[in-house]
C-alpha atoms as a PDB file:
ATOM      1  CA  MET A   1       0.245  -0.197   0.228  1.00  0.00           C
ATOM      2  CA  SER A   2       1.014   3.231  -0.633  1.00  0.00           C
ATOM      3  CA  TRP A   3       1.364   6.313   1.390  1.00  0.00           C
ATOM      4  CA  ASP A   4       3.315   8.544  -0.994  1.00  0.00           C
ATOM      5  CA  ARG A   5      -0.024  11.369  -0.987  1.00  0.00           C
ATOM      6  CA  VAL A   6      -0.292  11.611   3.394  1.00  0.00           C
ATOM      7  CA  GLU A   7       3.976  11.417   3.515  1.00  0.00           C
ATOM      8  CA  ASN A   8       4.126  14.352   1.684  1.00  0.00           C
ATOM      9  CA  LEU A   9       1.909  16.336   3.228  1.00  0.00           C
ATOM     10  CA  ILE A  10       2.403  15.736   6.553  1.00  0.00           C
ATOM     11  CA  GLY A  11       6.305  14.437   5.911  1.00  0.00           C
ATOM     12  CA  SER A  12       7.540  10.617   6.744  1.00  0.00           C
ATOM     13  CA  GLU A  13       8.211  11.207  10.323  1.00  0.00           C
ATOM     14  CA  ASN A  14       4.773  12.642  11.186  1.00  0.00           C
ATOM     15  CA  LEU A  15       3.183   9.389   9.105  1.00  0.00           C
ATOM     16  CA  ALA A  16       5.668   6.455  11.235  1.00  0.00           C
ATOM     17  CA  LEU A  17       4.565   8.889  14.324  1.00  0.00           C
ATOM     18  CA  LEU A  18       1.020   7.753  13.510  1.00  0.00           C
ATOM     19  CA  ALA A  19       1.869   4.356  13.465  1.00  0.00           C
ATOM     20  CA  HIS A  20       2.279   3.445  16.622  1.00  0.00           C
ATOM     21  CA  LYS A  21      -0.426   6.025  17.970  1.00  0.00           C
ATOM     22  CA  ARG A  22      -3.717   3.828  19.756  1.00  0.00           C
ATOM     23  CA  VAL A  23      -6.909   6.141  19.176  1.00  0.00           C
ATOM     24  CA  ALA A  24     -10.023   4.129  20.774  1.00  0.00           C
ATOM     25  CA  ILE A  25     -13.301   4.956  19.419  1.00  0.00           C
ATOM     26  CA  VAL A  26     -16.508   3.947  21.768  1.00  0.00           C
ATOM     27  CA  GLY A  27     -19.818   4.695  19.443  1.00  0.00           C
ATOM     28  CA  LEU A  28     -19.648   3.215  15.543  1.00  0.00           C
ATOM     29  CA  GLY A  29     -22.220   4.234  14.492  1.00  0.00           C
ATOM     30  CA  SER A  30     -22.606   6.672  11.590  1.00  0.00           C
ATOM     31  CA  GLY A  31     -20.166   9.330  13.447  1.00  0.00           C
ATOM     32  CA  GLY A  32     -18.010   6.804  14.624  1.00  0.00           C
ATOM     33  CA  GLY A  33     -17.445   4.992  12.063  1.00  0.00           C
ATOM     34  CA  GLN A  34     -16.623   8.364   9.708  1.00  0.00           C
ATOM     35  CA  VAL A  35     -13.989   8.975  12.581  1.00  0.00           C
ATOM     36  CA  ALA A  36     -12.703   5.495  12.255  1.00  0.00           C
ATOM     37  CA  ILE A  37     -11.707   5.319   8.405  1.00  0.00           C
ATOM     38  CA  SER A  38     -10.799   8.947   8.367  1.00  0.00           C
ATOM     39  CA  LEU A  39      -7.867   8.592  11.166  1.00  0.00           C
ATOM     40  CA  ALA A  40      -6.737   4.966   9.502  1.00  0.00           C
ATOM     41  CA  MET A  41      -6.614   6.328   6.017  1.00  0.00           C
ATOM     42  CA  SER A  42      -4.630   8.898   7.219  1.00  0.00           C
ATOM     43  CA  GLY A  43      -2.196   7.230   9.182  1.00  0.00           C
ATOM     44  CA  VAL A  44      -3.238   5.529  12.646  1.00  0.00           C
ATOM     45  CA  GLY A  45      -2.108   2.427  12.475  1.00  0.00           C
ATOM     46  CA  ASN A  46      -3.786   1.382  16.125  1.00  0.00           C
ATOM     47  CA  PHE A  47      -7.717   1.026  17.468  1.00  0.00           C
ATOM     48  CA  VAL A  48      -9.544  -0.364  20.063  1.00  0.00           C
ATOM     49  CA  LEU A  49     -13.569  -0.473  18.688  1.00  0.00           C
ATOM     50  CA  ILE A  50     -16.666  -0.567  21.559  1.00  0.00           C
ATOM     51  CA  ASP A  51     -20.216  -1.162  20.608  1.00  0.00           C
ATOM     52  CA  ASP A  52     -22.701  -3.182  21.438  1.00  0.00           C
ATOM     53  CA  ASP A  53     -24.753  -2.982  18.660  1.00  0.00           C
ATOM     54  CA  VAL A  54     -25.220  -4.695  15.488  1.00  0.00           C
ATOM     55  CA  LEU A  55     -25.742  -2.862  11.402  1.00  0.00           C
ATOM     56  CA  GLU A  56     -29.034  -2.668  10.976  1.00  0.00           C
ATOM     57  CA  GLU A  57     -31.163  -2.513   7.544  1.00  0.00           C
ATOM     58  CA  GLY A  58     -32.344   1.135   8.337  1.00  0.00           C
ATOM     59  CA  ASN A  59     -28.347   2.186   9.511  1.00  0.00           C
ATOM     60  CA  VAL A  60     -26.681   1.479   6.237  1.00  0.00           C
ATOM     61  CA  VAL A  61     -27.763   4.974   4.491  1.00  0.00           C
ATOM     62  CA  ARG A  62     -26.056   6.887   7.232  1.00  0.00           C
ATOM     63  CA  HIS A  63     -22.787   4.614   8.017  1.00  0.00           C
ATOM     64  CA  VAL A  64     -19.600   3.798   6.284  1.00  0.00           C
ATOM     65  CA  ALA A  65     -20.713   0.251   6.058  1.00  0.00           C
ATOM     66  CA  ASP A  66     -22.817  -1.313   3.411  1.00  0.00           C
ATOM     67  CA  ARG A  67     -25.888  -3.861   3.215  1.00  0.00           C
ATOM     68  CA  ARG A  68     -22.884  -6.763   2.803  1.00  0.00           C
ATOM     69  CA  TYR A  69     -22.685  -6.146   6.287  1.00  0.00           C
ATOM     70  CA  ILE A  70     -26.462  -5.700   8.471  1.00  0.00           C
ATOM     71  CA  GLY A  71     -26.383  -8.307  10.894  1.00  0.00           C
ATOM     72  CA  GLN A  72     -23.197  -8.104  12.243  1.00  0.00           C
ATOM     73  CA  PRO A  73     -20.980  -5.861  15.168  1.00  0.00           C
ATOM     74  CA  LYS A  74     -20.848  -2.400  14.247  1.00  0.00           C
ATOM     75  CA  ALA A  75     -16.823  -2.641  15.717  1.00  0.00           C
ATOM     76  CA  GLU A  76     -15.775  -5.916  13.494  1.00  0.00           C
ATOM     77  CA  VAL A  77     -17.169  -4.387  10.687  1.00  0.00           C
ATOM     78  CA  VAL A  78     -15.580  -0.889  11.149  1.00  0.00           C
ATOM     79  CA  ALA A  79     -12.486  -3.073  12.110  1.00  0.00           C
ATOM     80  CA  GLU A  80     -12.390  -5.283   8.545  1.00  0.00           C
ATOM     81  CA  LEU A  81     -12.690  -1.502   6.794  1.00  0.00           C
ATOM     82  CA  ILE A  82     -10.233  -0.530   8.130  1.00  0.00           C
ATOM     83  CA  ARG A  83      -7.697  -3.049   7.376  1.00  0.00           C
ATOM     84  CA  LEU A  84      -9.102  -2.705   4.127  1.00  0.00           C
ATOM     85  CA  ARG A  85      -8.065   0.346   3.903  1.00  0.00           C
ATOM     86  CA  ASN A  86      -5.009  -0.056   5.929  1.00  0.00           C
ATOM     87  CA  PRO A  87      -3.868  -3.532   5.856  1.00  0.00           C
ATOM     88  CA  ASN A  88      -1.444  -2.400   8.861  1.00  0.00           C
ATOM     89  CA  ALA A  89      -3.537  -1.214  11.179  1.00  0.00           C
ATOM     90  CA  GLN A  90      -3.855  -3.241  14.274  1.00  0.00           C
ATOM     91  CA  VAL A  91      -7.335  -3.313  15.678  1.00  0.00           C
ATOM     92  CA  GLU A  92      -9.336  -4.618  18.745  1.00  0.00           C
ATOM     93  CA  THR A  93     -12.644  -4.737  18.466  1.00  0.00           C
ATOM     94  CA  HIS A  94     -14.539  -5.294  22.084  1.00  0.00           C
ATOM     95  CA  VAL A  95     -18.576  -6.328  21.715  1.00  0.00           C
ATOM     96  CA  GLY A  96     -20.074  -4.688  23.905  1.00  0.00           C
ATOM     97  CA  ARG A  97     -21.272  -1.576  26.355  1.00  0.00           C
ATOM     98  CA  ILE A  98     -18.220   0.409  27.513  1.00  0.00           C
ATOM     99  CA  GLU A  99     -18.733  -0.361  31.132  1.00  0.00           C
ATOM    100  CA  GLN A 100     -18.165  -4.049  30.195  1.00  0.00           C
ATOM    101  CA  HIS A 101     -14.448  -2.762  28.838  1.00  0.00           C
ATOM    102  CA  MET A 102     -13.220  -0.012  30.853  1.00  0.00           C
ATOM    103  CA  ASP A 103      -9.313  -1.243  30.867  1.00  0.00           C
ATOM    104  CA  THR A 104      -9.162  -1.415  27.071  1.00  0.00           C
ATOM    105  CA  LEU A 105      -9.009   2.666  27.562  1.00  0.00           C
ATOM    106  CA  ASP A 106      -5.858   2.077  30.179  1.00  0.00           C
ATOM    107  CA  HIS A 107      -3.418   2.321  27.318  1.00  0.00           C
ATOM    108  CA  VAL A 108      -4.505   4.175  24.059  1.00  0.00           C
ATOM    109  CA  ASP A 109      -2.847   8.105  23.570  1.00  0.00           C
ATOM    110  CA  MET A 110      -6.857   9.101  22.459  1.00  0.00           C
ATOM    111  CA  LEU A 111     -10.256   8.827  22.910  1.00  0.00           C
ATOM    112  CA  VAL A 112     -13.298   8.912  20.859  1.00  0.00           C
ATOM    113  CA  VAL A 113     -16.953   9.515  21.905  1.00  0.00           C
ATOM    114  CA  ALA A 114     -19.593   8.754  18.866  1.00  0.00           C
ATOM    115  CA  VAL A 115     -21.884   7.982  21.247  1.00  0.00           C
ATOM    116  CA  ASP A 116     -25.422   9.488  21.284  1.00  0.00           C
ATOM    117  CA  GLY A 117     -26.685   9.158  25.444  1.00  0.00           C
ATOM    118  CA  GLU A 118     -24.909  11.395  27.872  1.00  0.00           C
ATOM    119  CA  ASN A 119     -25.085   8.950  30.353  1.00  0.00           C
ATOM    120  CA  ALA A 120     -22.868   6.996  28.491  1.00  0.00           C
ATOM    121  CA  LYS A 121     -20.810  10.271  27.814  1.00  0.00           C
ATOM    122  CA  TYR A 122     -20.805  11.272  31.789  1.00  0.00           C
ATOM    123  CA  VAL A 123     -18.993   7.841  32.172  1.00  0.00           C
ATOM    124  CA  LEU A 124     -16.159   8.375  29.394  1.00  0.00           C
ATOM    125  CA  ASN A 125     -15.718  11.635  31.296  1.00  0.00           C
ATOM    126  CA  GLN A 126     -14.444   9.983  34.463  1.00  0.00           C
ATOM    127  CA  ALA A 127     -12.626   7.437  32.682  1.00  0.00           C
ATOM    128  CA  ALA A 128     -10.930  10.376  30.965  1.00  0.00           C
ATOM    129  CA  LEU A 129     -10.121  11.915  33.615  1.00  0.00           C
ATOM    130  CA  ASP A 130      -8.959   9.056  35.952  1.00  0.00           C
ATOM    131  CA  ARG A 131      -6.573   8.562  33.519  1.00  0.00           C
ATOM    132  CA  ASN A 132      -5.204  11.550  32.182  1.00  0.00           C
ATOM    133  CA  LEU A 133      -6.461  10.903  28.504  1.00  0.00           C
ATOM    134  CA  PRO A 134      -7.387  13.719  26.553  1.00  0.00           C
ATOM    135  CA  ALA A 135     -11.329  13.462  24.672  1.00  0.00           C
ATOM    136  CA  VAL A 136     -12.839  14.544  21.696  1.00  0.00           C
ATOM    137  CA  TYR A 137     -16.574  14.656  21.845  1.00  0.00           C
ATOM    138  CA  ALA A 138     -18.870  15.278  19.098  1.00  0.00           C
ATOM    139  CA  GLY A 139     -22.744  15.749  18.378  1.00  0.00           C
ATOM    140  CA  VAL A 140     -25.089  15.864  15.423  1.00  0.00           C
ATOM    141  CA  TYR A 141     -28.249  18.602  16.058  1.00  0.00           C
ATOM    142  CA  GLU A 142     -32.009  18.146  14.862  1.00  0.00           C
ATOM    143  CA  ARG A 143     -32.538  17.505  11.355  1.00  0.00           C
ATOM    144  CA  GLY A 144     -27.911  17.911  10.371  1.00  0.00           C
ATOM    145  CA  GLU A 145     -28.444  21.076  11.256  1.00  0.00           C
ATOM    146  CA  GLY A 146     -25.340  21.298  13.032  1.00  0.00           C
ATOM    147  CA  GLY A 147     -23.349  20.036  15.568  1.00  0.00           C
ATOM    148  CA  ASP A 148     -20.517  20.546  17.913  1.00  0.00           C
ATOM    149  CA  VAL A 149     -16.838  18.818  18.424  1.00  0.00           C
ATOM    150  CA  VAL A 150     -15.350  19.931  21.529  1.00  0.00           C
ATOM    151  CA  MET A 151     -11.646  18.887  22.771  1.00  0.00           C
ATOM    152  CA  ILE A 152     -11.126  17.731  26.470  1.00  0.00           C
ATOM    153  CA  TYR A 153      -8.276  17.610  27.822  1.00  0.00           C
ATOM    154  CA  PRO A 154      -8.392  16.878  31.684  1.00  0.00           C
ATOM    155  CA  TYR A 155      -8.063  19.425  34.189  1.00  0.00           C
ATOM    156  CA  ASP A 156      -6.933  21.497  31.798  1.00  0.00           C
ATOM    157  CA  GLY A 157     -10.108  23.404  30.680  1.00  0.00           C
ATOM    158  CA  PRO A 158     -14.199  21.931  30.882  1.00  0.00           C
ATOM    159  CA  CYS A 159     -14.686  18.461  31.659  1.00  0.00           C
ATOM    160  CA  TYR A 160     -17.507  16.565  29.970  1.00  0.00           C
ATOM    161  CA  ALA A 161     -19.349  17.719  32.396  1.00  0.00           C
ATOM    162  CA  CYS A 162     -18.286  21.708  32.789  1.00  0.00           C
ATOM    163  CA  TRP A 163     -19.072  21.203  28.950  1.00  0.00           C
ATOM    164  CA  ALA A 164     -22.128  20.214  28.978  1.00  0.00           C
ATOM    165  CA  ALA A 165     -23.750  22.605  31.792  1.00  0.00           C
ATOM    166  CA  GLU A 166     -22.525  25.133  29.870  1.00  0.00           C
ATOM    167  CA  LEU A 167     -24.566  24.183  26.262  1.00  0.00           C
ATOM    168  CA  ARG A 168     -26.352  21.335  26.596  1.00  0.00           C
ATOM    169  CA  ASP A 169     -28.130  22.974  29.712  1.00  0.00           C
ATOM    170  CA  GLU A 170     -29.152  26.511  27.581  1.00  0.00           C
ATOM    171  CA  GLN A 171     -27.060  28.353  29.752  1.00  0.00           C
ATOM    172  CA  ALA A 172     -25.112  31.573  28.106  1.00  0.00           C
ATOM    173  CA  VAL A 173     -21.943  31.695  27.309  1.00  0.00           C
ATOM    174  CA  THR A 174     -20.140  33.985  25.447  1.00  0.00           C
ATOM    175  CA  ALA A 175     -18.298  33.899  22.202  1.00  0.00           C
ATOM    176  CA  ASN A 176     -17.081  37.438  22.688  1.00  0.00           C
ATOM    177  CA  PRO A 177     -18.599  40.367  25.094  1.00  0.00           C
ATOM    178  CA  GLY A 178     -21.885  40.474  25.075  1.00  0.00           C
ATOM    179  CA  GLU A 179     -22.702  37.442  23.480  1.00  0.00           C
ATOM    180  CA  GLU A 180     -24.374  34.386  24.120  1.00  0.00           C
ATOM    181  CA  LEU A 181     -24.766  31.367  22.273  1.00  0.00           C
ATOM    182  CA  ASP A 182     -28.037  30.150  21.533  1.00  0.00           C
ATOM    183  CA  TYR A 183     -29.467  26.402  21.680  1.00  0.00           C
ATOM    184  CA  GLY A 184     -33.325  24.854  20.699  1.00  0.00           C
ATOM    185  CA  MET A 185     -32.283  21.768  20.023  1.00  0.00           C
ATOM    186  CA  ILE A 186     -31.719  20.143  23.734  1.00  0.00           C
ATOM    187  CA  GLY A 187     -34.121  17.296  25.524  1.00  0.00           C
ATOM    188  CA  ALA A 188     -35.287  17.876  28.653  1.00  0.00           C
ATOM    189  CA  ASP A 189     -33.412  14.922  29.557  1.00  0.00           C
ATOM    190  CA  GLY A 190     -30.080  16.936  28.431  1.00  0.00           C
ATOM    191  CA  THR A 191     -29.617  15.177  25.142  1.00  0.00           C
ATOM    192  CA  LEU A 192     -28.911  16.201  21.709  1.00  0.00           C
ATOM    193  CA  GLU A 193     -32.825  15.601  19.762  1.00  0.00           C
ATOM    194  CA  ALA A 194     -31.064  14.687  17.524  1.00  0.00           C
ATOM    195  CA  GLU A 195     -33.640  13.358  14.586  1.00  0.00           C
ATOM    196  CA  PRO A 196     -31.376  11.881  12.204  1.00  0.00           C
ATOM    197  CA  GLY A 197     -29.860  14.349   9.715  1.00  0.00           C
ATOM    198  CA  LEU A 198     -27.855  12.663   6.030  1.00  0.00           C
ATOM    199  CA  TRP A 199     -26.019  10.870   5.803  1.00  0.00           C
ATOM    200  CA  LEU A 200     -23.589  14.380   4.152  1.00  0.00           C
ATOM    201  CA  HIS A 201     -24.844  15.657   7.681  1.00  0.00           C
ATOM    202  CA  VAL A 202     -22.842  13.707   9.202  1.00  0.00           C
ATOM    203  CA  THR A 203     -20.022  13.539   7.985  1.00  0.00           C
ATOM    204  CA  ARG A 204     -19.158  16.728   7.766  1.00  0.00           C
ATOM    205  CA  VAL A 205     -19.831  16.741  11.616  1.00  0.00           C
ATOM    206  CA  ALA A 206     -17.403  13.899  12.318  1.00  0.00           C
ATOM    207  CA  SER A 207     -14.882  15.166   9.751  1.00  0.00           C
ATOM    208  CA  VAL A 208     -14.000  17.916  12.163  1.00  0.00           C
ATOM    209  CA  GLN A 209     -13.578  15.469  14.931  1.00  0.00           C
ATOM    210  CA  ALA A 210     -11.408  13.247  12.696  1.00  0.00           C
ATOM    211  CA  HIS A 211      -9.319  15.943  12.449  1.00  0.00           C
ATOM    212  CA  LEU A 212      -8.850  17.152  15.706  1.00  0.00           C
ATOM    213  CA  VAL A 213      -8.252  13.915  16.632  1.00  0.00           C
ATOM    214  CA  LEU A 214      -5.313  13.672  14.073  1.00  0.00           C
ATOM    215  CA  ASN A 215      -4.267  17.044  14.747  1.00  0.00           C
ATOM    216  CA  GLU A 216      -4.303  16.094  18.519  1.00  0.00           C
ATOM    217  CA  LEU A 217      -2.402  13.296  17.480  1.00  0.00           C
ATOM    218  CA  LEU A 218       0.880  15.294  15.949  1.00  0.00           C
ATOM    219  CA  LYS A 219       0.551  17.946  18.787  1.00  0.00           C
ATOM    220  CA  GLY A 220       4.565  18.635  19.307  1.00  0.00           C
ATOM    221  CA  THR A 221       5.669  18.608  15.551  1.00  0.00           C
ATOM    222  CA  ASP A 222       6.537  20.887  13.082  1.00  0.00           C
ATOM    223  CA  VAL A 223       2.762  20.441  11.212  1.00  0.00           C
ATOM    224  CA  TYR A 224       0.028  20.941  14.327  1.00  0.00           C
ATOM    225  CA  GLU A 225      -1.964  23.341  14.486  1.00  0.00           C
ATOM    226  CA  PRO A 226      -3.429  25.211  17.289  1.00  0.00           C
ATOM    227  CA  MET A 227      -7.033  25.820  17.120  1.00  0.00           C
ATOM    228  CA  PRO A 228      -8.863  28.745  18.260  1.00  0.00           C
ATOM    229  CA  GLY A 229     -10.685  27.669  21.032  1.00  0.00           C
ATOM    230  CA  ASN A 230     -11.426  24.457  22.798  1.00  0.00           C
ATOM    231  CA  THR A 231     -15.631  24.449  20.556  1.00  0.00           C
ATOM    232  CA  VAL A 232     -16.634  24.395  17.270  1.00  0.00           C
ATOM    233  CA  ILE A 233     -19.748  25.085  16.423  1.00  0.00           C
ATOM    234  CA  LEU A 234     -20.912  23.800  13.016  1.00  0.00           C
ATOM    235  CA  ALA A 235     -24.156  25.111  10.888  1.00  0.00           C
ATOM    236  CA  ASN A 236     -24.518  22.707   8.300  1.00  0.00           C
ATOM    237  CA  SER A 237     -27.840  25.003   6.735  1.00  0.00           C
ATOM    238  CA  ALA A 238     -28.206  28.611   8.521  1.00  0.00           C
ATOM    239  CA  LEU A 239     -28.570  28.229  12.381  1.00  0.00           C
ATOM    240  CA  GLU A 240     -28.823  31.071  14.778  1.00  0.00           C
ATOM    241  CA  ILE A 241     -25.286  30.025  17.095  1.00  0.00           C
ATOM    242  CA  ILE A 242     -24.905  33.273  18.741  1.00  0.00           C
ATOM    243  CA  THR A 243     -28.548  34.945  20.122  1.00  0.00           C
ATOM    244  CA  GLY A 244     -29.659  37.096  16.859  1.00  0.00           C
ATOM    245  CA  GLN A 245     -26.937  36.446  14.635  1.00  0.00           C
ATOM    246  CA  VAL A 246     -27.524  33.956  12.033  1.00  0.00           C
ATOM    247  CA  THR A 247     -24.251  32.060  11.084  1.00  0.00           C
ATOM    248  CA  PRO A 248     -24.452  30.980   7.446  1.00  0.00           C
ATOM    249  CA  PRO A 249     -24.545  27.794   5.825  1.00  0.00           C
ATOM    250  CA  HIS A 250     -21.062  25.767   5.896  1.00  0.00           C
ATOM    251  CA  SER A 251     -19.436  27.704   8.013  1.00  0.00           C
ATOM    252  CA  ALA A 252     -18.742  27.779  11.720  1.00  0.00           C
ATOM    253  CA  VAL A 253     -17.949  29.350  15.438  1.00  0.00           C
ATOM    254  CA  TRP A 254     -15.425  28.893  17.563  1.00  0.00           C
ATOM    255  CA  VAL A 255     -15.939  29.527  21.384  1.00  0.00           C
ATOM    256  CA  THR A 256     -13.711  28.632  24.447  1.00  0.00           C
ATOM    257  CA  ILE A 257     -15.411  27.443  27.300  1.00  0.00           C
ATOM    258  CA  GLU A 258     -13.750  27.720  30.877  1.00  0.00           C
ATOM    259  CA  ARG A 259     -13.827  25.136  33.373  1.00  0.00           C
ATOM    260  CA  ASP A 260     -16.226  25.542  35.703  1.00  0.00           C
ATOM    261  CA  PRO A 261     -13.933  25.639  39.684  1.00  0.00           C
ATOM    262  CA  ASP A 262     -17.967  23.704  41.189  1.00  0.00           C
ATOM    263  CA  CYS A 263     -18.264  20.825  38.548  1.00  0.00           C
ATOM    264  CA  LEU A 264     -19.060  18.298  40.569  1.00  0.00           C
ATOM    265  CA  VAL A 265     -16.808  16.436  38.798  1.00  0.00           C
ATOM    266  CA  CYS A 266     -13.249  17.926  37.978  1.00  0.00           C
ATOM    267  CA  GLY A 267     -14.124  21.195  40.332  1.00  0.00           C
ATOM    268  CA  SER A 268     -11.444  21.686  42.566  1.00  0.00           C
ATOM    269  CA  LYS A 269     -13.564  23.190  45.526  1.00  0.00           C
ATOM    270  CA  LEU A 270     -16.171  20.502  45.230  1.00  0.00           C
ATOM    271  CA  ARG A 271     -13.522  18.111  44.654  1.00  0.00           C
ATOM    272  CA  HIS A 272     -12.191  18.781  47.902  1.00  0.00           C
ATOM    273  CA  GLU A 273     -15.296  18.625  49.973  1.00  0.00           C
ATOM    274  CA  GLN A 274     -15.824  15.278  48.682  1.00  0.00           C
ATOM    275  CA  ALA A 275     -12.690  14.767  50.187  1.00  0.00           C
ATOM    276  CA  LEU A 276     -12.997  15.990  53.625  1.00  0.00           C
ATOM    277  CA  LYS A 277     -16.343  13.634  52.986  1.00  0.00           C
ATOM    278  CA  ASP A 278     -14.308  10.812  52.463  1.00  0.00           C
ATOM    279  CA  ALA A 279     -16.910   9.853  50.250  1.00  0.00           C
ATOM    280  CA  PRO A 280     -17.278   9.469  46.807  1.00  0.00           C
ATOM    281  CA  LEU A 281     -19.473  11.402  43.932  1.00  0.00           C
ATOM    282  CA  SER A 282     -22.080   8.537  42.016  1.00  0.00           C
ATOM    283  CA  LEU A 283     -23.235   9.310  39.048  1.00  0.00           C
ATOM    284  CA  ASP A 284     -26.421   9.684  40.105  1.00  0.00           C
ATOM    285  CA  ASP A 285     -24.786  13.107  42.426  1.00  0.00           C
ATOM    286  CA  LEU A 286     -24.321  14.333  38.917  1.00  0.00           C
ATOM    287  CA  MET A 287     -27.493  13.632  36.815  1.00  0.00           C
ATOM    288  CA  ASP A 288     -29.229  14.978  39.777  1.00  0.00           C
ATOM    289  CA  ALA A 289     -27.306  18.585  39.901  1.00  0.00           C
ATOM    290  CA  THR A 290     -27.077  18.540  36.559  1.00  0.00           C
ATOM    291  CA  GLY A 291     -30.909  17.750  35.989  1.00  0.00           C
ATOM    292  CA  ILE A 292     -30.374  15.120  33.197  1.00  0.00           C
ATOM    293  CA  VAL A 293     -32.564  11.663  33.426  1.00  0.00           C
ATOM    294  CA  MET A 294     -30.648   8.510  33.432  1.00  0.00           C
ATOM    295  CA  GLN A 295     -32.148   6.333  30.731  1.00  0.00           C
ATOM    296  CA  ASP A 296     -31.481   2.924  29.773  1.00  0.00           C
ATOM    297  CA  GLU A 297     -30.086   3.553  26.408  1.00  0.00           C
ATOM    298  CA  ASN A 298     -27.599   2.242  23.726  1.00  0.00           C
ATOM    299  CA  GLU A 299     -24.762   3.783  23.112  1.00  0.00           C
ATOM    300  CA  ASP A 300     -24.490   4.374  19.223  1.00  0.00           C
ATOM    301  CA  LYS A 301     -28.082   3.174  17.146  1.00  0.00           C
ATOM    302  CA  ALA A 302     -26.834   5.643  13.556  1.00  0.00           C
END
């Protein structure tokens, strides 16, 4: 297999670096599958794929896999597609929920969160904090009108709980002085109410997620590019991201969400109080505080 074009773009040393990087992707639906294939085609050489679902007929119009794979576990399907693109890639698959396979996150360089359910995201957030593991989360809005991608560095900026408290609960977020973000597509349980958009809507968000992962894996090299914020909000169609201001189709807004010192997960104040009580913070405590309802949900059904 020839990597000439990739090597010409990023350099032979950086391509060799990517070949040794290890990325965990939780959720291999429409978004996660696209991220996995994109990273494999960019030179990433090691993957851990985790998903509890199988490919169904209705998934095919929004997935990297076609009808030949119907009925097979998504994690194994995407693993095969990775190997077809990058025969040298090492792929480890786990069919099941992330709670059953937490130890697979112990020795990876990056975590890609590509699940829909907020409770699974909170579990992964804690796992990333415990391992000092950078993680990239993404969400697609109702009918594919847009989406967002956030890069989370443990204890350096917000954790996912801080970030979600700002964006998923529709609280004011400063993009520029005097401007507030406006979200009208968040459900009562804090989950994006995403009636499925088209495949092309999902892939735009997934491509940005994959690019941020690749950029982070190349941090410290001559091709690394600093980003203007930790969150990018994408408009696939005209979208009022900032109150009173319509963002045109195919454009984006970058913002920086700050870490909340009172965050129930990563906040220094509450962590200190919790330590004094000598009682671990439960996921139920977090859900109660943020107003998010726990649900029995699959990780990704796209």
